[in-house]
Amino acid sequence: QVQLVESGGGSVQPGGSLRLSCAASGSIFSINMNWYRQAPGKQREFIAAIESSGSTNYADSVKGRFTLSRDNAKNTVYLQMNSLKPEDTAVYYCNARSDYDITLDSWGQGTQVTVSS
């Protein structure tokens, strides 16, 4: 299993931006990378995915505001979050899965994002 470490969380005012990073312990070349978030009292929800091909997919709640990218050379994915809203407040988790290894389902420890005035 690849180990994942998220970073870049913090507190920001509404309308602000943050960039989250997810660094993997090994190559992510053939791995699909995903981001989820979990707000207090709510279930974990999918927000964005980037396939090994570079194709991206976003939840409607973040589409147009969040951008997911990957740097395979650095084994890192980046979630650029713009126009943040209070409802974006949550713990954000990075996840790795593979179309070639169904046993791969790794999660990071999460990073807190708080959007508040």
Protein backbone atom coordinates (compact mmCIF):
# COMPACT_ATOMS: atom_id res chain seq x y z
CA GLN A 1 0.00 0.00 0.00
CA VAL A 2 1.20 3.49 -0.78
CA GLN A 3 1.37 5.87 2.16
CA LEU A 4 -0.28 9.27 1.72
CA VAL A 5 0.40 12.52 3.58
CA GLU A 6 -1.82 15.57 3.14
CA SER A 7 -0.72 19.12 3.85
CA GLY A 8 -1.78 22.68 3.20
CA GLY A 9 -4.90 22.90 5.31
CA GLY A 10 -5.65 25.86 7.51
CA SER A 11 -8.05 28.68 8.23
CA VAL A 12 -9.18 31.11 5.58
CA GLN A 13 -11.88 33.73 5.14
CA PRO A 14 -14.78 33.18 2.76
CA GLY A 15 -13.70 33.86 -0.79
CA GLY A 16 -10.13 32.89 -0.03
CA SER A 17 -7.96 30.14 -1.45
CA LEU A 18 -5.93 27.21 -0.24
CA ARG A 19 -3.86 24.58 -1.97
CA LEU A 20 -3.79 21.11 -0.50
CA SER A 21 -1.05 18.65 -1.33
CA CYS A 22 -1.02 14.89 -1.08
CA ALA A 23 2.40 13.29 -1.20
CA ALA A 24 2.68 9.57 -1.83
CA SER A 25 5.44 7.28 -0.60
CA GLY A 26 5.80 5.66 -4.00
CA SER A 27 5.02 6.11 -7.65
CA ILE A 28 1.52 7.30 -8.49
CA PHE A 29 2.02 6.91 -12.23
CA SER A 30 -0.72 4.29 -12.66
CA ILE A 31 -2.82 5.29 -9.67
CA ASN A 32 -6.10 7.18 -9.58
CA MET A 33 -6.00 9.84 -6.90
CA ASN A 34 -9.09 11.14 -5.14
CA TRP A 35 -10.05 13.71 -2.55
CA TYR A 36 -12.86 13.37 -0.06
CA ARG A 37 -13.97 15.55 2.81
CA GLN A 38 -15.88 15.06 6.00
CA ALA A 39 -17.62 17.85 7.84
CA PRO A 40 -18.59 17.51 11.52
CA GLY A 41 -21.64 15.30 11.89
CA LYS A 42 -21.70 14.39 8.21
CA GLN A 43 -20.61 11.45 6.12
CA ARG A 44 -17.42 11.54 4.12
CA GLU A 45 -18.14 12.79 0.61
CA PHE A 46 -16.31 12.60 -2.68
CA ILE A 47 -15.14 15.92 -4.07
CA ALA A 48 -12.57 15.32 -6.82
CA ALA A 49 -10.67 12.66 -8.72
CA ILE A 50 -7.82 12.56 -11.18
CA GLU A 51 -7.16 9.39 -13.14
CA SER A 52 -3.71 8.17 -14.12
CA SER A 53 -4.47 9.59 -17.58
CA GLY A 54 -4.95 13.04 -16.10
CA SER A 55 -8.70 13.06 -16.61
CA THR A 56 -10.52 14.82 -13.78
CA ASN A 57 -13.94 14.62 -12.22
CA TYR A 58 -15.51 16.90 -9.62
CA ALA A 59 -18.50 16.93 -7.34
CA ASP A 60 -21.07 19.54 -8.31
CA SER A 61 -20.49 21.34 -5.01
CA VAL A 62 -16.89 22.23 -5.96
CA LYS A 63 -17.00 22.29 -9.75
CA GLY A 64 -15.59 25.53 -11.11
CA ARG A 65 -13.92 26.40 -7.80
CA PHE A 66 -11.56 23.48 -7.14
CA THR A 67 -8.88 22.19 -9.49
CA LEU A 68 -7.08 18.89 -9.07
CA SER A 69 -3.72 18.28 -10.68
CA ARG A 70 -0.93 15.75 -10.42
CA ASP A 71 2.83 15.74 -10.68
CA ASN A 72 3.88 12.15 -11.22
CA ALA A 73 7.56 13.07 -11.02
CA LYS A 74 7.00 14.26 -7.45
CA ASN A 75 4.42 11.58 -6.58
CA THR A 76 2.14 14.40 -5.49
CA VAL A 77 -1.34 15.65 -6.29
CA TYR A 78 -2.56 19.17 -5.64
CA LEU A 79 -6.05 20.41 -4.87
CA GLN A 80 -6.34 24.11 -5.59
CA MET A 81 -9.38 25.49 -3.79
CA ASN A 82 -10.66 28.93 -4.73
CA SER A 83 -13.71 30.96 -3.74
CA LEU A 84 -13.96 29.02 -0.52
CA LYS A 85 -17.24 29.01 1.35
CA PRO A 86 -18.05 28.25 5.00
CA GLU A 87 -19.68 25.02 3.84
CA ASP A 88 -16.28 23.87 2.55
CA THR A 89 -15.16 23.53 6.17
CA ALA A 90 -14.18 19.91 6.71
CA VAL A 91 -11.32 17.49 7.11
CA TYR A 92 -9.97 16.74 3.65
CA TYR A 93 -8.65 13.27 2.87
CA CYS A 94 -6.51 12.02 0.01
CA ASN A 95 -7.19 8.54 -1.38
CA ALA A 96 -5.36 6.28 -3.82
CA ARG A 97 -6.90 3.50 -5.88
CA SER A 98 -5.74 1.56 -8.91
CA ASP A 99 -7.52 0.01 -11.88
CA TYR A 100 -4.71 -2.59 -11.92
CA ASP A 101 -4.69 -3.52 -8.24
CA ILE A 102 -8.10 -3.77 -6.64
CA THR A 103 -6.51 -4.22 -3.22
CA LEU A 104 -5.10 -0.69 -3.30
CA ASP A 105 -7.25 1.68 -1.26
CA SER A 106 -4.97 3.97 0.73
CA TRP A 107 -6.00 6.99 2.78
CA GLY A 108 -4.09 9.85 4.28
CA GLN A 109 -4.59 11.14 7.80
CA GLY A 110 -6.54 14.18 6.68
CA THR A 111 -5.98 17.91 6.87
CA GLN A 112 -8.39 20.43 8.38
CA VAL A 113 -9.80 23.26 6.29
CA THR A 114 -11.78 25.93 8.09
CA VAL A 115 -13.55 28.72 6.21
CA SER A 116 -14.82 31.40 8.52
CA SER A 117 -14.99 35.14 8.85
